[in-house]
All heavy atoms as atom14 arrays in JSON, in Angstrom:
{
  "sequence": "VRELLELWGFSGPAHETISVVAGETVGSDDFLDEFRFAAAAEV",
  "atom14_mask": [
    [1, 1, 1, 1, 1, 1, 1, 0, 0, 0, 0, 0, 0, 0],
    [1, 1, 1, 1, 1, 1, 1, 1, 1, 1, 1, 0, 0, 0],
    [1, 1, 1, 1, 1, 1, 1, 1, 1, 0, 0, 0, 0, 0],
    [1, 1, 1, 1, 1, 1, 1, 1, 0, 0, 0, 0, 0, 0],
    [1, 1, 1, 1, 1, 1, 1, 1, 0, 0, 0, 0, 0, 0],
    [1, 1, 1, 1, 1, 1, 1, 1, 1, 0, 0, 0, 0, 0],
    [1, 1, 1, 1, 1, 1, 1, 1, 0, 0, 0, 0, 0, 0],
    [1, 1, 1, 1, 1, 1, 1, 1, 1, 1, 1, 1, 1, 1],
    [1, 1, 1, 1, 0, 0, 0, 0, 0, 0, 0, 0, 0, 0],
    [1, 1, 1, 1, 1, 1, 1, 1, 1, 1, 1, 0, 0, 0],
    [1, 1, 1, 1, 1, 1, 0, 0, 0, 0, 0, 0, 0, 0],
    [1, 1, 1, 1, 0, 0, 0, 0, 0, 0, 0, 0, 0, 0],
    [1, 1, 1, 1, 1, 1, 1, 0, 0, 0, 0, 0, 0, 0],
    [1, 1, 1, 1, 1, 0, 0, 0, 0, 0, 0, 0, 0, 0],
    [1, 1, 1, 1, 1, 1, 1, 1, 1, 1, 0, 0, 0, 0],
    [1, 1, 1, 1, 1, 1, 1, 1, 1, 0, 0, 0, 0, 0],
    [1, 1, 1, 1, 1, 1, 1, 0, 0, 0, 0, 0, 0, 0],
    [1, 1, 1, 1, 1, 1, 1, 1, 0, 0, 0, 0, 0, 0],
    [1, 1, 1, 1, 1, 1, 0, 0, 0, 0, 0, 0, 0, 0],
    [1, 1, 1, 1, 1, 1, 1, 0, 0, 0, 0, 0, 0, 0],
    [1, 1, 1, 1, 1, 1, 1, 0, 0, 0, 0, 0, 0, 0],
    [1, 1, 1, 1, 1, 0, 0, 0, 0, 0, 0, 0, 0, 0],
    [1, 1, 1, 1, 0, 0, 0, 0, 0, 0, 0, 0, 0, 0],
    [1, 1, 1, 1, 1, 1, 1, 1, 1, 0, 0, 0, 0, 0],
    [1, 1, 1, 1, 1, 1, 1, 0, 0, 0, 0, 0, 0, 0],
    [1, 1, 1, 1, 1, 1, 1, 0, 0, 0, 0, 0, 0, 0],
    [1, 1, 1, 1, 0, 0, 0, 0, 0, 0, 0, 0, 0, 0],
    [1, 1, 1, 1, 1, 1, 0, 0, 0, 0, 0, 0, 0, 0],
    [1, 1, 1, 1, 1, 1, 1, 1, 0, 0, 0, 0, 0, 0],
    [1, 1, 1, 1, 1, 1, 1, 1, 0, 0, 0, 0, 0, 0],
    [1, 1, 1, 1, 1, 1, 1, 1, 1, 1, 1, 0, 0, 0],
    [1, 1, 1, 1, 1, 1, 1, 1, 0, 0, 0, 0, 0, 0],
    [1, 1, 1, 1, 1, 1, 1, 1, 0, 0, 0, 0, 0, 0],
    [1, 1, 1, 1, 1, 1, 1, 1, 1, 0, 0, 0, 0, 0],
    [1, 1, 1, 1, 1, 1, 1, 1, 1, 1, 1, 0, 0, 0],
    [1, 1, 1, 1, 1, 1, 1, 1, 1, 1, 1, 0, 0, 0],
    [1, 1, 1, 1, 1, 1, 1, 1, 1, 1, 1, 0, 0, 0],
    [1, 1, 1, 1, 1, 0, 0, 0, 0, 0, 0, 0, 0, 0],
    [1, 1, 1, 1, 1, 0, 0, 0, 0, 0, 0, 0, 0, 0],
    [1, 1, 1, 1, 1, 0, 0, 0, 0, 0, 0, 0, 0, 0],
    [1, 1, 1, 1, 1, 0, 0, 0, 0, 0, 0, 0, 0, 0],
    [1, 1, 1, 1, 1, 1, 1, 1, 1, 0, 0, 0, 0, 0],
    [1, 1, 1, 1, 1, 1, 1, 0, 0, 0, 0, 0, 0, 0]
  ],
  "atom14_positions": [
    [[0.84, -1.2, 0.0], [0.0, 0.0, 0.0], [0.87, 1.25, 0.0], [0.61, 2.22, -0.74], [-0.96, -0.01, 1.21], [-1.81, 1.26, 1.22], [-1.84, -1.25, 1.18], [0.0, 0.0, 0.0], [0.0, 0.0, 0.0], [0.0, 0.0, 0.0], [0.0, 0.0, 0.0], [0.0, 0.0, 0.0], [0.0, 0.0, 0.0], [0.0, 0.0, 0.0]],
    [[1.91, 1.25, 0.81], [2.82, 2.4, 0.84], [3.44, 2.63, -0.54], [3.51, 3.77, -1.03], [3.91, 2.18, 1.87], [4.88, 3.34, 1.92], [6.07, 3.1, 2.8], [6.67, 4.4, 3.06], [6.68, 5.01, 4.22], [6.19, 4.42, 5.28], [7.2, 6.22, 4.36], [0.0, 0.0, 0.0], [0.0, 0.0, 0.0], [0.0, 0.0, 0.0]],
    [[3.91, 1.56, -1.18], [4.52, 1.69, -2.5], [3.55, 2.33, -3.48], [3.91, 3.22, -4.25], [4.94, 0.3, -3.0], [5.68, 0.31, -4.31], [7.12, 0.76, -4.2], [7.64, 0.83, -3.05], [7.75, 1.05, -5.24], [0.0, 0.0, 0.0], [0.0, 0.0, 0.0], [0.0, 0.0, 0.0], [0.0, 0.0, 0.0], [0.0, 0.0, 0.0]],
    [[2.3, 1.88, -3.45], [1.28, 2.43, -4.34], [1.07, 3.92, -4.09], [1.1, 4.73, -5.03], [-0.03, 1.66, -4.14], [-1.18, 1.99, -5.1], [-0.85, 1.5, -6.5], [-2.47, 1.36, -4.6], [0.0, 0.0, 0.0], [0.0, 0.0, 0.0], [0.0, 0.0, 0.0], [0.0, 0.0, 0.0], [0.0, 0.0, 0.0], [0.0, 0.0, 0.0]],
    [[0.91, 4.3, -2.84], [0.65, 5.7, -2.52], [1.82, 6.6, -2.87], [1.65, 7.71, -3.37], [0.28, 5.84, -1.03], [-1.09, 5.27, -0.64], [-1.28, 5.35, 0.87], [-2.21, 6.01, -1.36], [0.0, 0.0, 0.0], [0.0, 0.0, 0.0], [0.0, 0.0, 0.0], [0.0, 0.0, 0.0], [0.0, 0.0, 0.0], [0.0, 0.0, 0.0]],
    [[3.03, 6.13, -2.59], [4.2, 6.96, -2.9], [4.37, 7.14, -4.41], [4.75, 8.21, -4.87], [5.45, 6.37, -2.27], [5.45, 6.5, -0.74], [6.77, 6.1, -0.12], [7.54, 5.35, -0.76], [7.02, 6.52, 1.03], [0.0, 0.0, 0.0], [0.0, 0.0, 0.0], [0.0, 0.0, 0.0], [0.0, 0.0, 0.0], [0.0, 0.0, 0.0]],
    [[4.09, 6.1, -5.18], [4.15, 6.23, -6.64], [3.09, 7.2, -7.15], [3.28, 7.85, -8.18], [3.98, 4.86, -7.29], [5.18, 3.92, -7.19], [4.8, 2.51, -7.64], [6.35, 4.44, -8.04], [0.0, 0.0, 0.0], [0.0, 0.0, 0.0], [0.0, 0.0, 0.0], [0.0, 0.0, 0.0], [0.0, 0.0, 0.0], [0.0, 0.0, 0.0]],
    [[1.98, 7.3, -6.44], [0.92, 8.23, -6.82], [1.17, 9.63, -6.27], [0.36, 10.52, -6.48], [-0.43, 7.71, -6.34], [-0.92, 6.51, -7.08], [-0.21, 5.67, -7.9], [-2.25, 6.0, -7.08], [-1.0, 4.67, -8.39], [-2.26, 4.84, -7.91], [-3.43, 6.37, -6.46], [-3.42, 4.09, -8.14], [-4.58, 5.61, -6.68], [-4.57, 4.49, -7.51]],
    [[2.26, 9.81, -5.55], [2.64, 11.15, -5.1], [2.29, 11.51, -3.68], [2.38, 12.67, -3.3], [0.0, 0.0, 0.0], [0.0, 0.0, 0.0], [0.0, 0.0, 0.0], [0.0, 0.0, 0.0], [0.0, 0.0, 0.0], [0.0, 0.0, 0.0], [0.0, 0.0, 0.0], [0.0, 0.0, 0.0], [0.0, 0.0, 0.0], [0.0, 0.0, 0.0]],
    [[1.94, 10.52, -2.85], [1.56, 10.8, -1.46], [2.65, 10.25, -0.53], [2.9, 9.05, -0.5], [0.21, 10.15, -1.13], [-0.93, 10.72, -1.92], [-1.26, 10.18, -3.16], [-1.65, 11.81, -1.46], [-2.29, 10.7, -3.91], [-2.69, 12.34, -2.21], [-3.01, 11.79, -3.44], [0.0, 0.0, 0.0], [0.0, 0.0, 0.0], [0.0, 0.0, 0.0]],
    [[3.28, 11.16, 0.21], [4.39, 10.77, 1.09], [3.86, 10.49, 2.49], [3.03, 11.23, 3.02], [5.43, 11.88, 1.14], [5.97, 12.1, -0.14], [0.0, 0.0, 0.0], [0.0, 0.0, 0.0], [0.0, 0.0, 0.0], [0.0, 0.0, 0.0], [0.0, 0.0, 0.0], [0.0, 0.0, 0.0], [0.0, 0.0, 0.0], [0.0, 0.0, 0.0]],
    [[4.41, 9.43, 3.08], [4.0, 9.05, 4.43], [5.13, 9.17, 5.42], [6.08, 9.94, 5.21], [0.0, 0.0, 0.0], [0.0, 0.0, 0.0], [0.0, 0.0, 0.0], [0.0, 0.0, 0.0], [0.0, 0.0, 0.0], [0.0, 0.0, 0.0], [0.0, 0.0, 0.0], [0.0, 0.0, 0.0], [0.0, 0.0, 0.0], [0.0, 0.0, 0.0]],
    [[5.09, 8.42, 6.51], [6.11, 8.49, 7.54], [7.45, 7.98, 7.02], [7.53, 7.21, 6.07], [5.56, 7.59, 8.65], [4.65, 6.63, 7.95], [4.05, 7.41, 6.82], [0.0, 0.0, 0.0], [0.0, 0.0, 0.0], [0.0, 0.0, 0.0], [0.0, 0.0, 0.0], [0.0, 0.0, 0.0], [0.0, 0.0, 0.0], [0.0, 0.0, 0.0]],
    [[8.53, 8.43, 7.67], [9.87, 8.02, 7.27], [10.03, 6.51, 7.42], [9.47, 5.9, 8.32], [10.91, 8.75, 8.13], [0.0, 0.0, 0.0], [0.0, 0.0, 0.0], [0.0, 0.0, 0.0], [0.0, 0.0, 0.0], [0.0, 0.0, 0.0], [0.0, 0.0, 0.0], [0.0, 0.0, 0.0], [0.0, 0.0, 0.0], [0.0, 0.0, 0.0]],
    [[10.78, 5.93, 6.5], [11.07, 4.49, 6.58], [12.48, 4.26, 6.04], [12.67, 3.72, 4.96], [10.02, 3.65, 5.84], [9.88, 3.99, 4.37], [9.84, 3.02, 3.39], [9.78, 5.16, 3.72], [9.72, 3.59, 2.2], [9.67, 4.9, 2.38], [0.0, 0.0, 0.0], [0.0, 0.0, 0.0], [0.0, 0.0, 0.0], [0.0, 0.0, 0.0]],
    [[13.44, 4.68, 6.83], [14.83, 4.62, 6.4], [15.34, 3.18, 6.41], [15.12, 2.42, 7.36], [15.69, 5.48, 7.34], [17.15, 5.58, 6.93], [17.93, 6.51, 7.84], [17.34, 7.09, 8.76], [19.15, 6.64, 7.61], [0.0, 0.0, 0.0], [0.0, 0.0, 0.0], [0.0, 0.0, 0.0], [0.0, 0.0, 0.0], [0.0, 0.0, 0.0]],
    [[16.03, 2.8, 5.34], [16.65, 1.49, 5.25], [18.12, 1.6, 5.64], [18.85, 2.43, 5.09], [16.55, 0.91, 3.83], [15.17, 0.8, 3.47], [17.18, -0.47, 3.75], [0.0, 0.0, 0.0], [0.0, 0.0, 0.0], [0.0, 0.0, 0.0], [0.0, 0.0, 0.0], [0.0, 0.0, 0.0], [0.0, 0.0, 0.0], [0.0, 0.0, 0.0]],
    [[18.54, 0.78, 6.6], [19.92, 0.82, 7.08], [20.47, -0.6, 7.15], [19.73, -1.58, 7.03], [20.04, 1.49, 8.46], [19.28, 0.66, 9.52], [19.52, 2.92, 8.43], [19.52, 1.12, 10.94], [0.0, 0.0, 0.0], [0.0, 0.0, 0.0], [0.0, 0.0, 0.0], [0.0, 0.0, 0.0], [0.0, 0.0, 0.0], [0.0, 0.0, 0.0]],
    [[21.77, -0.71, 7.32], [22.41, -2.0, 7.55], [22.63, -2.17, 9.04], [23.14, -1.26, 9.71], [23.74, -2.07, 6.8], [24.37, -3.31, 7.03], [0.0, 0.0, 0.0], [0.0, 0.0, 0.0], [0.0, 0.0, 0.0], [0.0, 0.0, 0.0], [0.0, 0.0, 0.0], [0.0, 0.0, 0.0], [0.0, 0.0, 0.0], [0.0, 0.0, 0.0]],
    [[22.23, -3.34, 9.57], [22.41, -3.62, 10.99], [23.16, -4.94, 11.13], [23.28, -5.72, 10.18], [21.05, -3.71, 11.73], [20.28, -2.41, 11.6], [20.22, -4.88, 11.19], [0.0, 0.0, 0.0], [0.0, 0.0, 0.0], [0.0, 0.0, 0.0], [0.0, 0.0, 0.0], [0.0, 0.0, 0.0], [0.0, 0.0, 0.0], [0.0, 0.0, 0.0]],
    [[23.65, -5.18, 12.34], [24.29, -6.46, 12.66], [23.25, -7.37, 13.29], [22.57, -6.98, 14.24], [25.48, -6.24, 13.62], [26.08, -7.58, 14.03], [26.54, -5.36, 12.97], [0.0, 0.0, 0.0], [0.0, 0.0, 0.0], [0.0, 0.0, 0.0], [0.0, 0.0, 0.0], [0.0, 0.0, 0.0], [0.0, 0.0, 0.0], [0.0, 0.0, 0.0]],
    [[23.12, -8.57, 12.75], [22.2, -9.54, 13.35], [22.75, -9.98, 14.7], [23.86, -10.51, 14.79], [22.02, -10.74, 12.43], [0.0, 0.0, 0.0], [0.0, 0.0, 0.0], [0.0, 0.0, 0.0], [0.0, 0.0, 0.0], [0.0, 0.0, 0.0], [0.0, 0.0, 0.0], [0.0, 0.0, 0.0], [0.0, 0.0, 0.0], [0.0, 0.0, 0.0]],
    [[21.98, -9.75, 15.78], [22.44, -10.12, 17.11], [22.44, -11.61, 17.34], [23.19, -12.13, 18.17], [0.0, 0.0, 0.0], [0.0, 0.0, 0.0], [0.0, 0.0, 0.0], [0.0, 0.0, 0.0], [0.0, 0.0, 0.0], [0.0, 0.0, 0.0], [0.0, 0.0, 0.0], [0.0, 0.0, 0.0], [0.0, 0.0, 0.0], [0.0, 0.0, 0.0]],
    [[21.57, -12.33, 16.63], [21.54, -13.78, 16.67], [21.11, -14.28, 15.31], [20.6, -13.52, 14.48], [20.6, -14.29, 17.77], [19.15, -13.86, 17.63], [18.3, -14.35, 18.8], [18.8, -15.14, 19.6], [17.14, -13.94, 18.88], [0.0, 0.0, 0.0], [0.0, 0.0, 0.0], [0.0, 0.0, 0.0], [0.0, 0.0, 0.0], [0.0, 0.0, 0.0]],
    [[21.32, -15.53, 15.04], [21.0, -16.09, 13.73], [19.5, -16.01, 13.47], [18.68, -16.37, 14.32], [21.49, -17.55, 13.64], [22.92, -17.55, 13.75], [21.1, -18.17, 12.32], [0.0, 0.0, 0.0], [0.0, 0.0, 0.0], [0.0, 0.0, 0.0], [0.0, 0.0, 0.0], [0.0, 0.0, 0.0], [0.0, 0.0, 0.0], [0.0, 0.0, 0.0]],
    [[19.16, -15.52, 12.27], [17.77, -15.4, 11.86], [17.54, -16.37, 10.71], [18.06, -16.18, 9.61], [17.45, -13.96, 11.41], [15.96, -13.83, 11.09], [17.86, -12.95, 12.46], [0.0, 0.0, 0.0], [0.0, 0.0, 0.0], [0.0, 0.0, 0.0], [0.0, 0.0, 0.0], [0.0, 0.0, 0.0], [0.0, 0.0, 0.0], [0.0, 0.0, 0.0]],
    [[16.79, -17.43, 10.97], [16.51, -18.42, 9.94], [15.39, -17.98, 9.04], [14.51, -17.2, 9.42], [0.0, 0.0, 0.0], [0.0, 0.0, 0.0], [0.0, 0.0, 0.0], [0.0, 0.0, 0.0], [0.0, 0.0, 0.0], [0.0, 0.0, 0.0], [0.0, 0.0, 0.0], [0.0, 0.0, 0.0], [0.0, 0.0, 0.0], [0.0, 0.0, 0.0]],
    [[15.39, -18.48, 7.8], [14.34, -18.13, 6.85], [14.18, -19.28, 5.86], [15.08, -20.11, 5.7], [14.7, -16.85, 6.1], [13.69, -16.49, 5.18], [0.0, 0.0, 0.0], [0.0, 0.0, 0.0], [0.0, 0.0, 0.0], [0.0, 0.0, 0.0], [0.0, 0.0, 0.0], [0.0, 0.0, 0.0], [0.0, 0.0, 0.0], [0.0, 0.0, 0.0]],
    [[13.04, -19.34, 5.21], [12.83, -20.3, 4.13], [13.37, -19.7, 2.85], [12.95, -18.6, 2.46], [11.33, -20.6, 3.97], [10.74, -21.21, 5.23], [11.42, -22.07, 5.84], [9.61, -20.83, 5.6], [0.0, 0.0, 0.0], [0.0, 0.0, 0.0], [0.0, 0.0, 0.0], [0.0, 0.0, 0.0], [0.0, 0.0, 0.0], [0.0, 0.0, 0.0]],
    [[14.31, -20.39, 2.2], [15.01, -19.75, 1.09], [14.16, -19.58, -0.17], [14.6, -18.97, -1.13], [16.31, -20.5, 0.76], [16.07, -21.95, 0.38], [14.9, -22.35, 0.25], [17.07, -22.68, 0.21], [0.0, 0.0, 0.0], [0.0, 0.0, 0.0], [0.0, 0.0, 0.0], [0.0, 0.0, 0.0], [0.0, 0.0, 0.0], [0.0, 0.0, 0.0]],
    [[12.91, -20.08, -0.16], [12.06, -19.92, -1.34], [11.19, -18.67, -1.25], [10.36, -18.42, -2.12], [11.17, -21.16, -1.55], [10.2, -21.4, -0.43], [8.94, -20.83, -0.45], [10.55, -22.21, 0.65], [8.04, -21.06, 0.59], [9.66, -22.44, 1.68], [8.4, -21.86, 1.65], [0.0, 0.0, 0.0], [0.0, 0.0, 0.0], [0.0, 0.0, 0.0]],
    [[11.36, -17.88, -0.18], [10.54, -16.68, -0.04], [11.34, -15.52, 0.55], [12.45, -15.69, 1.05], [9.3, -16.96, 0.81], [9.44, -17.65, 2.17], [10.04, -16.73, 3.21], [8.07, -18.15, 2.64], [0.0, 0.0, 0.0], [0.0, 0.0, 0.0], [0.0, 0.0, 0.0], [0.0, 0.0, 0.0], [0.0, 0.0, 0.0], [0.0, 0.0, 0.0]],
    [[10.77, -14.32, 0.46], [11.3, -13.13, 1.13], [10.69, -13.08, 2.52], [9.45, -13.12, 2.65], [10.96, -11.86, 0.36], [11.79, -11.67, -0.89], [11.5, -12.34, -1.91], [12.72, -10.86, -0.85], [0.0, 0.0, 0.0], [0.0, 0.0, 0.0], [0.0, 0.0, 0.0], [0.0, 0.0, 0.0], [0.0, 0.0, 0.0], [0.0, 0.0, 0.0]],
    [[11.54, -12.99, 3.54], [11.01, -12.88, 4.9], [11.24, -11.49, 5.45], [12.34, -10.92, 5.33], [11.64, -13.92, 5.83], [11.13, -13.78, 7.26], [11.2, -15.06, 8.06], [11.7, -16.06, 7.54], [10.75, -15.05, 9.22], [0.0, 0.0, 0.0], [0.0, 0.0, 0.0], [0.0, 0.0, 0.0], [0.0, 0.0, 0.0], [0.0, 0.0, 0.0]],
    [[10.2, -10.95, 6.07], [10.26, -9.63, 6.71], [10.02, -9.86, 8.19], [8.88, -10.06, 8.63], [9.24, -8.69, 6.08], [9.47, -8.49, 4.61], [8.86, -9.33, 3.68], [10.32, -7.5, 4.15], [9.09, -9.18, 2.32], [10.55, -7.34, 2.8], [9.93, -8.18, 1.88], [0.0, 0.0, 0.0], [0.0, 0.0, 0.0], [0.0, 0.0, 0.0]],
    [[11.08, -9.81, 8.96], [11.04, -10.21, 10.38], [11.07, -8.98, 11.26], [12.01, -8.16, 11.19], [12.24, -11.11, 10.67], [12.25, -11.76, 12.03], [11.36, -12.99, 12.07], [11.57, -13.72, 13.32], [12.44, -14.71, 13.47], [13.19, -15.11, 12.45], [12.55, -15.32, 14.63], [0.0, 0.0, 0.0], [0.0, 0.0, 0.0], [0.0, 0.0, 0.0]],
    [[10.07, -8.82, 12.08], [10.06, -7.71, 13.04], [11.23, -7.88, 14.01], [11.55, -8.99, 14.44], [8.74, -7.67, 13.79], [7.61, -7.13, 12.97], [6.97, -7.93, 12.02], [7.19, -5.82, 13.12], [5.93, -7.43, 11.25], [6.15, -5.31, 12.36], [5.53, -6.12, 11.42], [0.0, 0.0, 0.0], [0.0, 0.0, 0.0], [0.0, 0.0, 0.0]],
    [[11.86, -6.75, 14.35], [13.05, -6.82, 15.19], [13.17, -5.56, 16.03], [12.52, -4.55, 15.78], [14.3, -6.99, 14.31], [0.0, 0.0, 0.0], [0.0, 0.0, 0.0], [0.0, 0.0, 0.0], [0.0, 0.0, 0.0], [0.0, 0.0, 0.0], [0.0, 0.0, 0.0], [0.0, 0.0, 0.0], [0.0, 0.0, 0.0], [0.0, 0.0, 0.0]],
    [[14.04, -5.66, 17.05], [14.37, -4.52, 17.9], [15.83, -4.18, 17.65], [16.7, -5.06, 17.7], [14.15, -4.85, 19.37], [0.0, 0.0, 0.0], [0.0, 0.0, 0.0], [0.0, 0.0, 0.0], [0.0, 0.0, 0.0], [0.0, 0.0, 0.0], [0.0, 0.0, 0.0], [0.0, 0.0, 0.0], [0.0, 0.0, 0.0], [0.0, 0.0, 0.0]],
    [[16.11, -2.9, 17.38], [17.47, -2.46, 17.07], [17.88, -1.34, 17.99], [17.06, -0.55, 18.47], [17.57, -2.01, 15.61], [0.0, 0.0, 0.0], [0.0, 0.0, 0.0], [0.0, 0.0, 0.0], [0.0, 0.0, 0.0], [0.0, 0.0, 0.0], [0.0, 0.0, 0.0], [0.0, 0.0, 0.0], [0.0, 0.0, 0.0], [0.0, 0.0, 0.0]],
    [[19.18, -1.27, 18.26], [19.74, -0.2, 19.1], [21.23, -0.11, 18.83], [21.84, -1.03, 18.25], [19.47, -0.47, 20.58], [0.0, 0.0, 0.0], [0.0, 0.0, 0.0], [0.0, 0.0, 0.0], [0.0, 0.0, 0.0], [0.0, 0.0, 0.0], [0.0, 0.0, 0.0], [0.0, 0.0, 0.0], [0.0, 0.0, 0.0], [0.0, 0.0, 0.0]],
    [[21.8, 0.99, 19.26], [23.26, 1.13, 19.2], [23.85, 0.42, 20.41], [23.56, 0.77, 21.56], [23.64, 2.61, 19.2], [25.13, 2.85, 19.06], [25.48, 4.32, 19.05], [24.7, 5.13, 18.5], [26.54, 4.67, 19.62], [0.0, 0.0, 0.0], [0.0, 0.0, 0.0], [0.0, 0.0, 0.0], [0.0, 0.0, 0.0], [0.0, 0.0, 0.0]],
    [[24.67, -0.6, 20.14], [25.29, -1.39, 21.2], [26.8, -1.4, 20.96], [27.26, -1.89, 19.92], [24.77, -2.85, 21.22], [25.4, -3.62, 22.38], [23.25, -2.88, 21.32], [0.0, 0.0, 0.0], [0.0, 0.0, 0.0], [0.0, 0.0, 0.0], [0.0, 0.0, 0.0], [0.0, 0.0, 0.0], [0.0, 0.0, 0.0], [0.0, 0.0, 0.0]]
  ]
}
């Protein structure tokens, strides 16, 4: 939905993409894209 609205010219809340260090191993099924909710901080 966000992608659709932004392409149509409507800007929403910030959603910055950054690189983080995985604190523990995150498994995924390699046949799909996984979007895993996480908690991040400067450590």
